[in-house]
Every structure is written in C-alpha cells, then in structure tokens.
N, C-alpha and C. Protein backbone atom coordinates (compact mmCIF):
# COMPACT_ATOMS: atom_id res chain seq x y z
N MET A 1 93.88 110.64 119.97
CA MET A 1 94.01 110.48 118.56
C MET A 1 92.99 110.84 117.54
N ALA A 2 92.59 110.06 116.44
CA ALA A 2 91.58 109.93 115.85
C ALA A 2 91.06 109.01 115.92
N ARG A 3 89.97 108.79 115.02
CA ARG A 3 89.33 107.45 115.27
C ARG A 3 88.60 107.26 113.15
N ILE A 4 88.93 106.52 112.99
CA ILE A 4 88.64 106.08 111.87
C ILE A 4 87.22 105.38 111.13
N ASP A 5 86.31 106.32 110.49
CA ASP A 5 85.24 105.61 110.31
C ASP A 5 85.22 104.88 108.90
N LEU A 6 83.79 103.76 108.18
CA LEU A 6 83.93 103.92 107.68
C LEU A 6 82.94 103.84 107.16
N LEU A 7 83.05 104.40 105.25
CA LEU A 7 81.06 105.16 105.08
C LEU A 7 80.96 104.63 103.48
N ALA A 8 79.72 105.17 103.04
CA ALA A 8 79.43 105.01 102.01
C ALA A 8 80.00 105.76 101.69
N TRP A 9 80.06 106.42 100.49
CA TRP A 9 80.84 107.56 98.98
C TRP A 9 79.02 108.56 99.72
N ASN A 10 78.39 108.21 99.88
CA ASN A 10 77.46 109.00 99.79
C ASN A 10 77.54 109.74 101.22
N GLU A 11 77.71 109.35 102.29
CA GLU A 11 78.13 109.42 103.66
C GLU A 11 79.90 110.52 103.72
N ALA A 12 80.60 109.94 102.77
CA ALA A 12 81.91 110.16 102.73
C ALA A 12 81.67 111.31 101.18
N ARG A 13 81.20 111.33 100.49
CA ARG A 13 81.44 112.56 99.62
C ARG A 13 82.27 113.88 99.59
N ALA A 14 81.41 114.49 100.76
CA ALA A 14 82.40 115.57 101.05
C ALA A 14 82.90 116.10 101.65
N GLU A 15 83.67 115.14 102.60
CA GLU A 15 84.63 115.24 103.62
C GLU A 15 86.16 115.08 102.26
N ALA A 16 85.84 113.32 102.15
CA ALA A 16 86.32 112.61 101.03
C ALA A 16 86.71 113.18 100.22
N SER A 17 86.30 113.87 99.10
CA SER A 17 86.56 114.88 98.31
C SER A 17 87.26 116.27 98.39
N ALA A 18 86.81 116.57 99.43
CA ALA A 18 87.99 118.02 100.43
C ALA A 18 89.43 117.30 100.40
N ILE A 19 89.34 117.13 100.79
CA ILE A 19 90.56 116.20 101.47
C ILE A 19 91.20 115.81 99.96
N ARG A 20 91.20 114.69 98.90
CA ARG A 20 91.53 114.14 97.92
C ARG A 20 91.47 116.04 96.84
N GLU A 21 91.19 116.60 96.53
CA GLU A 21 91.12 117.70 96.49
C GLU A 21 92.43 118.54 96.94
N ALA A 22 92.20 118.48 98.57
CA ALA A 22 93.17 119.44 98.52
C ALA A 22 95.16 118.71 98.30
N VAL A 23 94.75 117.32 98.63
CA VAL A 23 96.03 116.41 98.62
C VAL A 23 96.42 115.99 97.13
N PHE A 24 95.56 115.56 96.30
CA PHE A 24 95.89 115.20 95.06
C PHE A 24 96.32 116.15 94.06
N VAL A 25 95.07 116.79 93.64
CA VAL A 25 94.63 118.23 92.91
C VAL A 25 95.57 119.66 93.11
N ALA A 26 95.48 120.00 94.30
CA ALA A 26 95.93 121.91 94.88
C ALA A 26 97.55 121.03 95.31
N GLU A 27 97.62 120.33 95.51
CA GLU A 27 99.28 119.82 96.48
C GLU A 27 100.53 119.06 95.15
N GLN A 28 99.60 117.71 94.53
CA GLN A 28 100.39 117.31 93.43
C GLN A 28 100.19 117.81 92.36
N GLY A 29 99.42 118.33 92.11
CA GLY A 29 99.16 118.26 90.40
C GLY A 29 98.30 118.05 89.33
N VAL A 30 97.43 116.78 90.19
CA VAL A 30 97.17 115.20 89.49
C VAL A 30 95.60 116.55 89.11
N PRO A 31 95.30 116.25 87.63
CA PRO A 31 94.32 117.33 87.38
C PRO A 31 93.19 116.40 87.87
N ARG A 32 92.26 117.23 88.00
CA ARG A 32 90.21 117.29 89.24
C ARG A 32 89.52 116.00 88.39
N GLU A 33 90.11 115.71 86.67
CA GLU A 33 89.09 114.95 86.15
C GLU A 33 90.02 113.52 86.03
N LEU A 34 90.80 113.01 86.04
CA LEU A 34 91.81 112.22 86.55
C LEU A 34 91.30 111.40 88.41
N GLU A 35 90.79 112.37 88.54
CA GLU A 35 91.43 112.01 90.54
C GLU A 35 89.83 111.54 90.99
N LEU A 36 88.31 112.67 89.70
CA LEU A 36 87.75 112.11 90.39
C LEU A 36 87.24 110.80 89.31
N ASP A 37 86.30 109.99 89.88
CA ASP A 37 85.84 108.97 89.18
C ASP A 37 85.22 108.54 89.19
N ASP A 38 84.31 107.61 88.40
CA ASP A 38 82.75 106.97 88.43
C ASP A 38 83.05 105.37 89.65
N VAL A 39 84.57 105.23 90.27
CA VAL A 39 84.26 104.16 90.98
C VAL A 39 84.19 104.24 92.66
N ASP A 40 84.08 105.82 93.34
CA ASP A 40 83.61 106.04 94.88
C ASP A 40 82.40 105.04 94.68
N GLY A 41 81.84 105.05 94.45
CA GLY A 41 80.35 104.53 94.57
C GLY A 41 80.04 103.47 95.36
N HIS A 42 81.14 102.16 94.71
CA HIS A 42 81.24 101.26 94.48
C HIS A 42 82.37 100.88 96.09
N CYS A 43 82.64 101.72 96.41
CA CYS A 43 83.45 101.19 97.31
C CYS A 43 83.10 101.74 99.10
N VAL A 44 84.84 101.26 99.94
CA VAL A 44 83.90 101.48 101.06
C VAL A 44 85.07 102.65 101.53
N HIS A 45 84.76 103.74 102.45
CA HIS A 45 85.64 105.01 102.42
C HIS A 45 86.22 105.22 103.71
N ALA A 46 87.31 105.37 103.83
CA ALA A 46 88.33 105.14 104.61
C ALA A 46 88.38 107.22 105.41
N LEU A 47 87.24 107.85 106.64
CA LEU A 47 87.39 108.86 106.78
C LEU A 47 88.16 108.73 108.71
N ALA A 48 89.80 109.65 108.52
CA ALA A 48 90.06 109.59 109.84
C ALA A 48 90.36 110.59 110.04
N ARG A 49 89.33 110.88 111.53
CA ARG A 49 88.73 112.14 112.22
C ARG A 49 89.30 112.35 113.59
N LEU A 50 89.48 113.65 113.40
CA LEU A 50 90.44 113.95 114.98
C LEU A 50 89.05 114.30 115.76
N ASP A 51 89.49 114.41 117.26
CA ASP A 51 88.64 114.45 118.56
C ASP A 51 87.60 115.33 118.15
N ASP A 52 87.60 116.23 117.48
CA ASP A 52 86.60 117.75 117.37
C ASP A 52 86.15 117.68 116.36
N GLY A 53 86.02 116.05 115.48
CA GLY A 53 85.37 115.70 114.90
C GLY A 53 85.69 116.01 113.11
N ARG A 54 86.81 116.88 113.01
CA ARG A 54 86.91 117.32 111.68
C ARG A 54 88.00 115.96 110.95
N ALA A 55 87.11 115.92 109.77
CA ALA A 55 88.20 114.87 108.70
C ALA A 55 89.21 115.31 108.11
N VAL A 56 90.82 114.32 108.37
CA VAL A 56 91.75 114.95 107.74
C VAL A 56 92.49 113.87 106.82
N GLY A 57 92.19 113.00 106.85
CA GLY A 57 92.32 111.85 105.49
C GLY A 57 91.57 110.78 105.37
N THR A 58 92.13 110.39 104.29
CA THR A 58 90.95 109.69 103.97
C THR A 58 91.65 107.92 102.44
N GLY A 59 90.94 107.21 102.41
CA GLY A 59 90.61 106.05 101.34
C GLY A 59 90.02 104.90 101.15
N ARG A 60 90.39 104.31 99.83
CA ARG A 60 88.94 103.49 99.99
C ARG A 60 89.11 102.16 99.63
N LEU A 61 88.27 101.60 99.41
CA LEU A 61 88.70 100.08 99.12
C LEU A 61 87.44 99.36 98.09
N LEU A 62 88.33 99.30 96.88
CA LEU A 62 87.41 98.92 95.89
C LEU A 62 86.99 97.55 96.13
N PRO A 63 85.63 96.83 95.57
CA PRO A 63 85.06 95.68 95.44
C PRO A 63 86.12 94.70 95.56
N ASP A 64 86.65 95.27 94.06
CA ASP A 64 88.62 94.50 94.06
C ASP A 64 88.68 93.85 94.83
N GLY A 65 89.16 94.10 95.82
CA GLY A 65 90.38 94.73 96.53
C GLY A 65 91.45 95.95 96.53
N HIS A 66 91.52 96.58 95.79
CA HIS A 66 92.24 97.41 95.54
C HIS A 66 91.83 98.07 96.62
N ILE A 67 92.79 98.56 97.28
CA ILE A 67 92.68 100.64 98.60
C ILE A 67 93.70 101.35 97.15
N GLY A 68 92.74 102.32 97.72
CA GLY A 68 93.22 103.43 97.23
C GLY A 68 92.67 105.71 97.80
N ARG A 69 93.65 105.70 96.78
CA ARG A 69 93.11 107.58 96.80
C ARG A 69 93.58 107.12 98.76
N MET A 70 94.40 107.03 98.73
CA MET A 70 95.13 107.32 100.58
C MET A 70 95.66 108.78 100.39
N ALA A 71 95.21 109.73 101.85
CA ALA A 71 95.72 111.19 100.92
C ALA A 71 95.38 111.12 103.24
N VAL A 72 96.42 112.23 103.30
CA VAL A 72 96.61 112.92 104.85
C VAL A 72 96.78 114.43 104.39
N LEU A 73 96.09 115.11 105.08
CA LEU A 73 96.02 117.04 104.97
C LEU A 73 97.41 117.06 105.74
N ALA A 74 98.33 117.59 105.22
CA ALA A 74 99.65 118.11 105.54
C ALA A 74 100.06 118.41 106.22
N GLU A 75 99.45 119.19 106.99
CA GLU A 75 99.96 119.43 108.72
C GLU A 75 99.68 118.41 109.27
N TRP A 76 99.04 116.96 109.06
CA TRP A 76 98.79 115.44 110.19
C TRP A 76 99.47 114.66 109.59
N ARG A 77 100.27 115.04 108.64
CA ARG A 77 101.50 113.51 108.34
C ARG A 77 102.32 113.53 109.52
N GLY A 78 103.17 112.05 109.26
CA GLY A 78 103.83 111.69 109.98
C GLY A 78 103.04 111.57 112.12
N ARG A 79 101.98 111.90 112.07
CA ARG A 79 101.41 111.52 112.89
C ARG A 79 100.49 109.65 113.45
N GLY A 80 100.76 108.87 112.16
CA GLY A 80 100.30 107.51 112.03
C GLY A 80 98.79 107.28 111.72
N LEU A 81 98.24 108.66 111.14
CA LEU A 81 97.16 108.79 110.41
C LEU A 81 96.90 107.32 109.52
N GLY A 82 98.07 108.12 108.27
CA GLY A 82 97.77 106.97 107.82
C GLY A 82 98.10 105.63 107.99
N GLY A 83 98.90 104.97 108.54
CA GLY A 83 99.00 104.41 108.66
C GLY A 83 97.56 103.70 109.59
N ALA A 84 96.83 104.45 110.62
CA ALA A 84 95.74 104.16 111.40
C ALA A 84 94.78 103.72 109.79
N LEU A 85 94.75 104.54 108.88
CA LEU A 85 93.38 104.85 107.96
C LEU A 85 93.73 102.93 107.46
N LEU A 86 95.57 102.84 106.79
CA LEU A 86 95.36 101.37 105.83
C LEU A 86 95.34 101.10 106.91
N GLU A 87 95.21 100.51 107.83
CA GLU A 87 95.32 99.06 108.63
C GLU A 87 93.65 98.91 108.66
N ARG A 88 92.83 100.10 109.37
CA ARG A 88 91.07 99.98 109.20
C ARG A 88 90.68 99.26 107.64
N LEU A 89 91.72 99.93 106.74
CA LEU A 89 90.94 99.29 104.97
C LEU A 89 91.50 97.82 105.21
N VAL A 90 92.96 97.78 105.74
CA VAL A 90 92.74 96.02 105.85
C VAL A 90 91.98 94.75 106.08
N GLU A 91 91.56 94.95 107.63
CA GLU A 91 91.07 95.18 108.40
C GLU A 91 89.37 94.49 107.43
N GLU A 92 89.27 95.89 106.77
CA GLU A 92 87.39 95.61 106.49
C GLU A 92 87.54 94.87 105.25
N ALA A 93 88.73 94.90 104.54
CA ALA A 93 89.21 93.92 103.70
C ALA A 93 89.09 92.20 103.70
N ARG A 94 89.99 91.88 104.64
CA ARG A 94 90.06 90.95 105.51
C ARG A 94 88.23 90.53 106.07
N SER A 95 87.24 91.35 106.79
CA SER A 95 86.31 90.79 106.80
C SER A 95 85.18 90.40 106.23
N ARG A 96 85.71 90.73 104.68
CA ARG A 96 85.14 90.88 103.45
C ARG A 96 85.81 89.39 102.71
N GLY A 97 86.61 88.64 103.50
CA GLY A 97 86.84 87.40 103.09
C GLY A 97 87.59 87.61 102.17
N MET A 98 88.59 88.79 101.91
CA MET A 98 89.40 89.33 100.66
C MET A 98 90.79 88.50 100.82
N GLN A 99 91.49 87.90 100.30
CA GLN A 99 92.77 87.09 100.04
C GLN A 99 93.54 87.83 100.09
N GLU A 100 93.62 88.86 99.23
CA GLU A 100 94.94 89.60 99.06
C GLU A 100 94.59 90.73 98.45
N ILE A 101 95.37 91.87 98.84
CA ILE A 101 95.02 93.15 98.85
C ILE A 101 95.94 93.87 97.48
N ALA A 102 95.58 94.94 97.13
CA ALA A 102 96.32 95.45 96.23
C ALA A 102 96.28 97.19 95.88
N LEU A 103 97.47 97.59 95.84
CA LEU A 103 97.12 99.52 95.81
C LEU A 103 98.62 99.87 94.98
N SER A 104 98.49 100.81 93.93
CA SER A 104 99.29 101.38 93.49
C SER A 104 99.69 102.36 93.99
N ALA A 105 101.48 102.50 94.57
CA ALA A 105 101.73 103.54 95.93
C ALA A 105 102.71 104.77 95.39
N GLN A 106 102.66 105.82 95.28
CA GLN A 106 103.40 106.73 94.83
C GLN A 106 104.62 106.10 95.41
N THR A 107 106.17 106.52 94.10
CA THR A 107 107.06 105.93 95.08
C THR A 107 107.00 106.19 96.11
N HIS A 108 107.20 107.58 96.55
CA HIS A 108 108.04 108.57 98.02
C HIS A 108 106.77 107.75 99.02
N ALA A 109 105.97 106.49 98.10
CA ALA A 109 105.35 106.04 100.00
C ALA A 109 105.76 104.45 99.97
N LEU A 110 106.44 104.53 99.27
CA LEU A 110 107.26 103.22 98.76
C LEU A 110 107.79 102.32 100.47
N GLY A 111 107.95 103.19 101.10
CA GLY A 111 108.88 102.30 102.50
C GLY A 111 107.67 102.25 103.40
N PHE A 112 106.54 103.51 103.34
CA PHE A 112 105.46 103.28 104.23
C PHE A 112 105.20 102.46 104.62
N TYR A 113 104.68 101.58 102.70
CA TYR A 113 103.45 100.10 102.38
C TYR A 113 104.68 99.41 102.68
N ARG A 114 105.67 99.57 102.85
CA ARG A 114 106.17 97.90 103.04
C ARG A 114 106.22 97.96 104.18
N ARG A 115 106.00 99.21 105.22
CA ARG A 115 105.91 98.37 106.79
C ARG A 115 105.04 98.10 107.28
N HIS A 116 103.68 98.45 106.24
CA HIS A 116 102.55 97.64 106.46
C HIS A 116 102.10 96.56 106.19
N GLY A 117 103.64 95.49 105.14
CA GLY A 117 103.49 94.90 104.81
C GLY A 117 103.26 94.48 103.69
N PHE A 118 103.39 95.27 102.63
CA PHE A 118 102.68 95.34 101.63
C PHE A 118 104.65 95.14 100.24
N THR A 119 104.24 94.37 99.54
CA THR A 119 105.72 94.17 98.57
C THR A 119 105.71 94.81 97.45
N ALA A 120 106.70 94.85 96.19
CA ALA A 120 106.08 95.78 95.73
C ALA A 120 106.45 94.46 94.65
N GLU A 121 105.22 94.84 93.50
CA GLU A 121 105.42 94.58 92.13
C GLU A 121 105.72 95.33 90.86
N GLY A 122 106.39 94.27 89.93
CA GLY A 122 106.83 95.57 88.34
C GLY A 122 107.47 95.60 88.60
N GLU A 123 107.38 97.15 87.60
CA GLU A 123 108.55 98.45 87.18
C GLU A 123 107.16 99.34 87.67
N VAL A 124 107.98 100.49 87.96
CA VAL A 124 107.65 101.34 88.66
C VAL A 124 107.31 102.56 86.85
N TYR A 125 105.42 102.71 87.07
CA TYR A 125 105.61 103.17 85.39
C TYR A 125 104.56 104.67 86.62
N LEU A 126 104.18 105.62 85.38
CA LEU A 126 104.11 106.66 85.57
C LEU A 126 102.09 107.18 85.95
N GLU A 127 101.58 107.73 86.78
CA GLU A 127 100.03 107.33 86.25
C GLU A 127 99.37 109.52 87.30
N ALA A 128 98.98 109.96 86.28
CA ALA A 128 98.90 111.23 86.62
C ALA A 128 100.08 111.81 87.05
N GLY A 129 101.41 111.35 85.72
CA GLY A 129 102.47 111.93 85.73
C GLY A 129 103.35 111.86 86.71
N ILE A 130 102.72 110.92 87.39
CA ILE A 130 104.37 110.57 89.43
C ILE A 130 104.10 109.37 89.13
N PRO A 131 105.53 108.75 89.59
CA PRO A 131 106.10 107.48 89.05
C PRO A 131 105.01 106.58 90.29
N HIS A 132 105.21 105.96 90.50
CA HIS A 132 103.65 104.68 91.54
C HIS A 132 104.85 103.38 90.82
N GLN A 133 104.25 102.58 91.68
CA GLN A 133 104.76 101.20 91.77
C GLN A 133 103.80 100.18 92.28
N ALA A 134 102.95 98.65 91.73
CA ALA A 134 102.08 97.55 92.55
C ALA A 134 102.84 97.27 93.21
N MET A 135 102.08 96.98 94.44
CA MET A 135 102.23 96.88 95.63
C MET A 135 100.57 95.51 96.19
N THR A 136 100.79 94.20 96.81
CA THR A 136 99.98 93.45 97.00
C THR A 136 100.27 93.12 98.94
N ARG A 137 99.80 92.17 99.25
CA ARG A 137 99.70 91.66 100.40
C ARG A 137 98.46 90.99 101.00
N LYS A 138 99.14 89.38 101.44
CA LYS A 138 98.53 88.86 101.19
C LYS A 138 97.76 88.51 102.49
N LEU A 139 96.59 88.45 102.38
CA LEU A 139 95.69 88.66 104.14
C LEU A 139 95.51 87.45 103.96
N ALA A 140 95.29 86.55 103.42
CA ALA A 140 95.11 84.93 104.06
C ALA A 140 95.91 84.30 106.01
N ALA A 141 96.11 83.53 106.61
CA ALA A 141 95.97 82.91 107.66
C ALA A 141 96.87 84.71 108.28
N GLY A 142 96.48 85.42 108.21
CA GLY A 142 96.14 86.58 108.93
C GLY A 142 97.28 87.13 108.63
N GLY A 143 97.26 87.30 107.30
CA GLY A 143 97.97 88.16 107.50
C GLY A 143 97.99 89.80 107.18
C-alpha cells in the first residue's frame, strides 16, 4: 500500500507542491497565487508514499486545528490514500491535544469526510470558484 510521512514544510515542499500544483492548479483551475500561501511553513505536512517512495498524496495540519490542502493525484484516487492521509492528520491533531479539527471541504468530497466522522456546518460557499462546506470533527474522548 502506502506509508504516510509527517514532515515540516522544508522537507515536504518539493513533493507536496508538485501534487498540489497537479490537483488544484492544473486539474481544478485554482489560480496558483490562491493555492500558495504563507501558512505552509507553520503546518505539519503529510505525504502518502508508494512502496517505491513516490509521493502521490498530501495534506496539512495547521496549528489552529484546521486540515487543508488534501490532494491525491488522479490516478491514485479511490485506493484509500486520501483516507489514510486524513486519519494520520487526525491522529497528529489528537496527539497535540486538539479537541476539535475543522476543514473546508469541496462539496463533491462531503461524503468522503462524513465517512471519516466530520459534520457539515453552515452554508455552502465559494472558495477559489469551487463550492465548499465547513466541516468539523470532535476529537475528545477518542473521537
């Protein structure tokens, strides 16, 4: 299958940036200047690596408990990598004593996040021209 590595931005930058560029900028049409931000340096980054070491998925955990920039290369979707990335970031948040985590889900992925214990909150909104929904998951008591 794959392993999930947790890395600082300086270690993850090249591979995570390439995955995010492929998924968000090339595939989804998100402007590069919106995809890149100043937050990466303050986050822990997860990389999903195949047995041969290739990174094919990424996500990040912000210091405030938000998970973001979840992306898996198109040819590797549907194989459990996104779920493994997400659960590894949830585990890291729990280990840091966070009681709740949040994310901004693209609406086409709401079912995926619901299956991982997230609950939708509020109204759908546009972010980078893509419909999103805020979601949270409680972590207290083993959540």
